[in-house]
Protein backbone atom coordinates (compact mmCIF):
# COMPACT_ATOMS: atom_id res chain seq x y z
CA MET A 1 80.02 -15.05 212.93
CA ARG A 2 79.18 -11.30 211.42
CA MET A 3 83.05 -10.06 211.24
CA ARG A 4 84.09 -12.90 209.62
CA ALA A 5 81.52 -12.73 206.98
CA VAL A 6 82.22 -9.19 206.57
CA ALA A 7 86.19 -10.31 206.66
CA LEU A 8 85.41 -12.89 203.52
CA MET A 9 83.29 -10.60 201.68
CA LEU A 10 86.30 -8.07 202.09
CA THR A 11 88.80 -10.91 201.06
CA ALA A 12 86.77 -11.48 198.08
CA CYS A 13 86.57 -7.67 196.85
CA LEU A 14 90.19 -8.08 197.00
CA ALA A 15 91.02 -10.98 195.50
CA VAL A 16 88.64 -9.96 192.48
CA ALA A 17 90.33 -6.71 192.18
CA GLY A 18 93.70 -8.38 192.30
CA LEU A 19 92.29 -10.47 189.33
CA THR A 20 91.03 -7.96 187.24
CA GLY A 21 93.71 -5.31 188.31
CA LEU A 22 93.97 -1.62 188.84
CA ALA A 23 96.56 -0.48 186.80
CA GLU A 24 95.48 1.75 183.61
CA GLU A 25 96.95 -0.67 181.05
CA PRO A 26 93.96 -2.32 179.14
CA ALA A 27 93.28 -6.23 179.65
CA ALA A 28 94.17 -6.29 176.10
CA VAL A 29 95.16 -4.74 172.95
CA VAL A 30 93.75 -6.43 169.77
CA ASN A 31 95.33 -4.79 166.26
CA GLY A 32 95.95 -1.53 168.37
CA GLU A 33 92.23 -1.52 169.49
CA GLU A 34 92.21 -1.79 173.35
CA ILE A 35 90.25 -4.36 175.99
CA THR A 36 89.87 -2.21 178.60
CA ARG A 37 89.86 -3.67 182.50
CA ASP A 38 85.99 -1.88 182.94
CA GLU A 39 85.38 -4.76 179.47
CA LEU A 40 86.78 -7.56 180.86
CA GLN A 41 85.50 -6.94 184.57
CA ALA A 42 82.02 -6.36 182.99
CA ALA A 43 81.81 -9.43 180.97
CA ALA A 44 83.68 -11.86 183.51
CA ASN A 45 81.51 -10.50 186.25
CA LEU A 46 83.64 -11.97 188.84
CA ASN A 47 82.34 -9.62 191.93
CA GLN A 48 78.60 -11.34 191.41
CA ILE A 49 79.86 -14.79 190.98
CA VAL A 50 82.06 -14.73 193.86
CA PHE A 51 79.30 -13.07 196.32
CA GLY A 52 77.12 -15.59 195.20
CA ILE A 53 78.65 -18.07 195.81
CA TYR A 54 79.53 -16.73 199.12
CA GLN A 55 75.77 -16.20 200.14
CA GLN A 56 75.37 -20.33 198.71
CA PHE A 57 78.57 -21.85 199.83
CA PRO A 58 80.71 -20.09 202.65
CA ALA A 59 83.17 -22.57 203.01
CA PHE A 60 83.37 -23.16 199.52
CA ALA A 61 84.18 -19.66 198.57
CA GLN A 62 86.60 -19.38 201.18
CA THR A 63 88.55 -22.06 200.30
CA LEU A 64 88.30 -20.64 196.55
CA LEU A 65 89.38 -17.10 197.87
CA ALA A 66 91.71 -18.57 200.12
CA THR A 67 94.00 -20.67 198.54
CA GLU A 68 96.40 -21.25 195.42
CA GLU A 69 94.03 -23.62 193.32
CA GLY A 70 91.04 -21.38 193.74
CA GLU A 71 92.91 -18.48 192.45
CA ALA A 72 94.16 -20.16 189.88
CA LEU A 73 90.63 -21.39 188.60
CA LEU A 74 89.23 -17.83 189.10
CA GLU A 75 92.38 -16.52 186.76
CA ARG A 76 91.56 -19.30 184.34
CA TYR A 77 87.90 -18.37 184.43
CA GLU A 78 89.32 -14.43 183.56
CA GLN A 79 91.47 -15.75 180.82
CA ASP A 80 88.93 -17.86 179.20
CA VAL A 81 86.62 -14.53 178.91
CA LEU A 82 89.32 -12.54 177.65
CA ASP A 83 90.05 -14.53 174.76
CA GLU A 84 86.16 -14.67 174.23
CA LEU A 85 86.70 -10.59 173.87
CA ILE A 86 89.70 -10.66 171.76
CA GLU A 87 87.31 -13.38 169.55
CA ARG A 88 84.93 -11.15 169.12
CA ARG A 89 86.82 -8.03 168.83
CA LEU A 90 88.68 -9.63 166.02
CA GLN A 91 85.50 -11.02 164.01
CA ARG A 92 84.34 -7.18 164.83
CA GLN A 93 87.24 -5.91 163.18
CA ALA A 94 87.18 -8.37 160.16
CA ALA A 95 83.35 -7.57 159.46
CA GLY A 96 84.39 -3.94 159.48
CA GLU A 97 86.97 -4.32 156.95
CA ARG A 98 84.44 -6.16 154.76
CA GLY A 99 81.76 -3.70 155.48
CA ILE A 100 79.54 -5.53 157.03
CA THR A 101 77.06 -3.74 159.24
CA PRO A 102 73.64 -4.66 160.62
CA ASN A 103 70.29 -3.95 159.13
CA GLU A 104 68.46 -1.83 161.99
CA ASP A 105 64.91 -2.62 161.09
CA GLU A 106 66.05 -6.12 161.86
CA VAL A 107 67.93 -5.14 165.14
CA GLN A 108 64.86 -3.22 166.44
CA GLU A 109 62.73 -6.38 165.83
CA TRP A 110 65.02 -8.71 167.88
CA VAL A 111 65.00 -5.89 170.71
CA ASP A 112 61.10 -6.19 170.29
CA GLN A 113 60.73 -9.80 170.56
CA THR A 114 63.57 -10.03 173.43
CA LEU A 115 61.33 -7.69 175.31
CA GLU A 116 58.32 -9.83 174.65
CA ASN A 117 60.34 -12.85 175.83
CA ILE A 118 61.38 -11.24 178.91
CA LYS A 119 57.79 -9.68 180.08
CA GLN A 120 56.23 -13.38 178.92
CA GLN A 121 58.71 -14.95 180.93
CA HIS A 122 58.69 -13.19 184.13
CA GLN A 123 54.64 -12.02 183.60
CA LEU A 124 55.42 -8.48 183.38
CA THR A 125 53.18 -5.78 181.93
CA ASP A 126 54.81 -2.62 180.28
CA GLU A 127 54.46 -0.82 183.33
CA GLU A 128 55.79 -3.15 185.37
CA LEU A 129 58.53 -3.71 183.02
CA VAL A 130 59.90 -0.14 183.58
CA ALA A 131 58.67 -0.23 187.35
CA ALA A 132 61.43 -3.21 187.13
CA LEU A 133 63.89 -1.66 185.68
CA ALA A 134 63.80 1.54 187.09
CA GLN A 135 64.89 -0.30 190.32
CA GLN A 136 67.87 -1.36 188.95
CA GLY A 137 68.75 2.36 188.16
CA THR A 138 68.39 2.11 184.43
CA SER A 139 65.18 3.14 182.09
CA LEU A 140 63.52 1.09 178.91
CA GLU A 141 65.32 3.05 176.62
CA GLU A 142 68.73 2.32 178.15
CA PHE A 143 67.90 -1.56 178.21
CA ARG A 144 67.04 -1.52 174.78
CA GLU A 145 69.92 -0.33 173.51
CA GLU A 146 71.95 -2.67 175.94
CA ILE A 147 69.93 -5.54 174.28
CA ALA A 148 70.63 -3.69 170.95
CA VAL A 149 74.00 -3.72 171.19
CA ASP A 150 74.10 -7.46 171.81
CA VAL A 151 72.15 -8.07 168.71
CA ARG A 152 74.33 -6.04 166.39
CA GLU A 153 77.18 -8.06 167.60
CA HIS A 154 75.39 -11.27 166.86
CA LEU A 155 74.31 -10.05 163.36
CA VAL A 156 77.42 -9.28 162.25
CA ARG A 157 78.87 -12.26 163.35
CA GLU A 158 76.66 -13.80 161.44
CA ALA A 159 76.93 -12.28 158.64
CA LEU A 160 80.51 -12.78 158.54
CA LYS A 161 80.29 -16.64 159.15
CA GLU A 162 77.99 -16.60 156.10
CA GLU A 163 80.60 -14.85 153.92
CA VAL A 164 83.32 -17.08 155.13
CA ILE A 165 81.81 -20.19 154.55
CA ALA A 166 79.87 -19.23 151.77
CA ASP A 167 82.24 -21.29 149.15
CA VAL A 168 81.82 -24.57 151.00
CA ARG A 169 80.89 -27.14 149.21
CA VAL A 170 80.85 -31.13 149.22
CA SER A 171 81.25 -33.16 145.95
CA GLN A 172 79.07 -36.29 144.91
CA GLU A 173 82.24 -38.40 145.66
CA GLU A 174 82.57 -37.21 149.29
CA ALA A 175 78.99 -38.06 149.97
CA LEU A 176 79.42 -41.34 148.28
CA GLU A 177 82.43 -42.13 150.50
CA TYR A 178 80.57 -41.01 153.60
CA TYR A 179 77.32 -43.54 152.29
CA GLU A 180 79.92 -46.39 152.05
CA GLU A 181 81.48 -45.99 155.33
CA LYS A 182 78.44 -45.75 157.32
CA PRO A 183 75.72 -47.86 155.63
CA ASP A 184 74.24 -48.97 158.62
CA GLN A 185 72.66 -45.21 158.92
CA PHE A 186 70.91 -45.55 155.48
CA ARG A 187 68.65 -48.57 156.10
CA ASP A 188 64.93 -48.76 155.81
CA GLU A 189 62.80 -50.30 158.76
CA GLU A 190 63.46 -53.97 157.02
CA GLY A 191 67.18 -53.44 157.46
CA GLU A 192 67.41 -53.05 153.77
CA LEU A 193 70.25 -50.69 152.38
CA LEU A 194 68.81 -47.68 151.19
CA PRO A 195 69.93 -46.52 146.97
CA PHE A 196 72.51 -43.64 147.60
CA GLU A 197 70.25 -41.67 145.41
CA GLU A 198 67.44 -41.58 147.73
CA VAL A 199 69.94 -40.55 150.38
CA GLU A 200 72.63 -38.29 148.64
CA GLU A 201 70.88 -34.83 149.22
CA THR A 202 70.57 -35.65 152.99
CA ILE A 203 73.98 -36.55 153.05
CA ALA A 204 75.13 -33.69 151.17
CA GLU A 205 73.32 -31.61 153.63
CA GLU A 206 75.06 -32.88 156.84
CA LEU A 207 78.56 -33.12 155.21
CA VAL A 208 78.12 -29.06 153.85
CA VAL A 209 77.28 -28.28 157.62
CA GLN A 210 80.17 -30.06 159.16
CA ALA A 211 82.49 -28.92 156.51
CA GLN A 212 80.97 -25.33 156.73
CA GLU A 213 82.08 -25.29 160.75
CA ARG A 214 85.74 -26.85 159.94
CA ALA A 215 85.99 -23.87 157.25
CA TRP A 216 84.89 -21.19 160.35
CA ARG A 217 86.96 -22.61 163.11
CA ASP A 218 90.01 -22.79 160.96
CA TRP A 219 89.29 -19.11 159.41
CA LEU A 220 89.27 -18.01 163.27
CA VAL A 221 92.38 -19.97 164.04
CA GLU A 222 94.45 -18.14 160.98
CA LEU A 223 92.80 -14.57 161.93
CA ARG A 224 94.13 -14.80 165.31
CA ALA A 225 97.39 -15.92 164.18
CA GLN A 226 97.54 -13.15 161.91
CA ALA A 227 97.04 -10.82 164.18
CA ASP A 228 98.44 -8.28 166.63
CA ILE A 229 97.65 -9.22 169.95
CA THR A 230 99.05 -8.15 173.50
CA ILE A 231 97.47 -9.49 176.72
CA ASN A 232 98.42 -7.81 180.04
CA LEU A 233 96.81 -10.57 182.35
């Protein structure tokens, strides 16, 4: 049994290595910027996923690693992760072209709050958190910077989105059309239809949110269509 377990774990390593690739070429190039294999591997975290599945469901792990269907599933997952990395890189580039940068005071506030949430969730003191990080081979300063990197990216994406959707508006005619198409949403407790004037603002707010999300998705599609992207998976 032990030899079989070791063999399966080695198979997992080889399978994951085969998916992420050992070649020097990057996983993708986005407008001249590389997304490295290491970046993809870190984002996909396939080693940990496969070993986690093996520890709990060894039979399923064997099926996952030893069949074409399982390999296709892992490859599809890796492709999805790479697509997400490409989209993030495109957004980062677009934000840079627009001169969008995060406010460092806000970044550090987010970092502080994230650390507080971690301590509360795991009931850790400052000293216990530092000790736990040391066991994982990292320091509090390094951990803070890891969090800060994610926070900066999040804030930049949010600022970019706000710029893209800033001019989205909904007319009174659109709000009235929605009101007339879905009257049952605007009745009082007695079933009487509320006057349009009383619900116009609520309708407009809802329609603006929907229109903004459509505008953002459409903008992302156009951004990717105009980009020079090479994928090497």
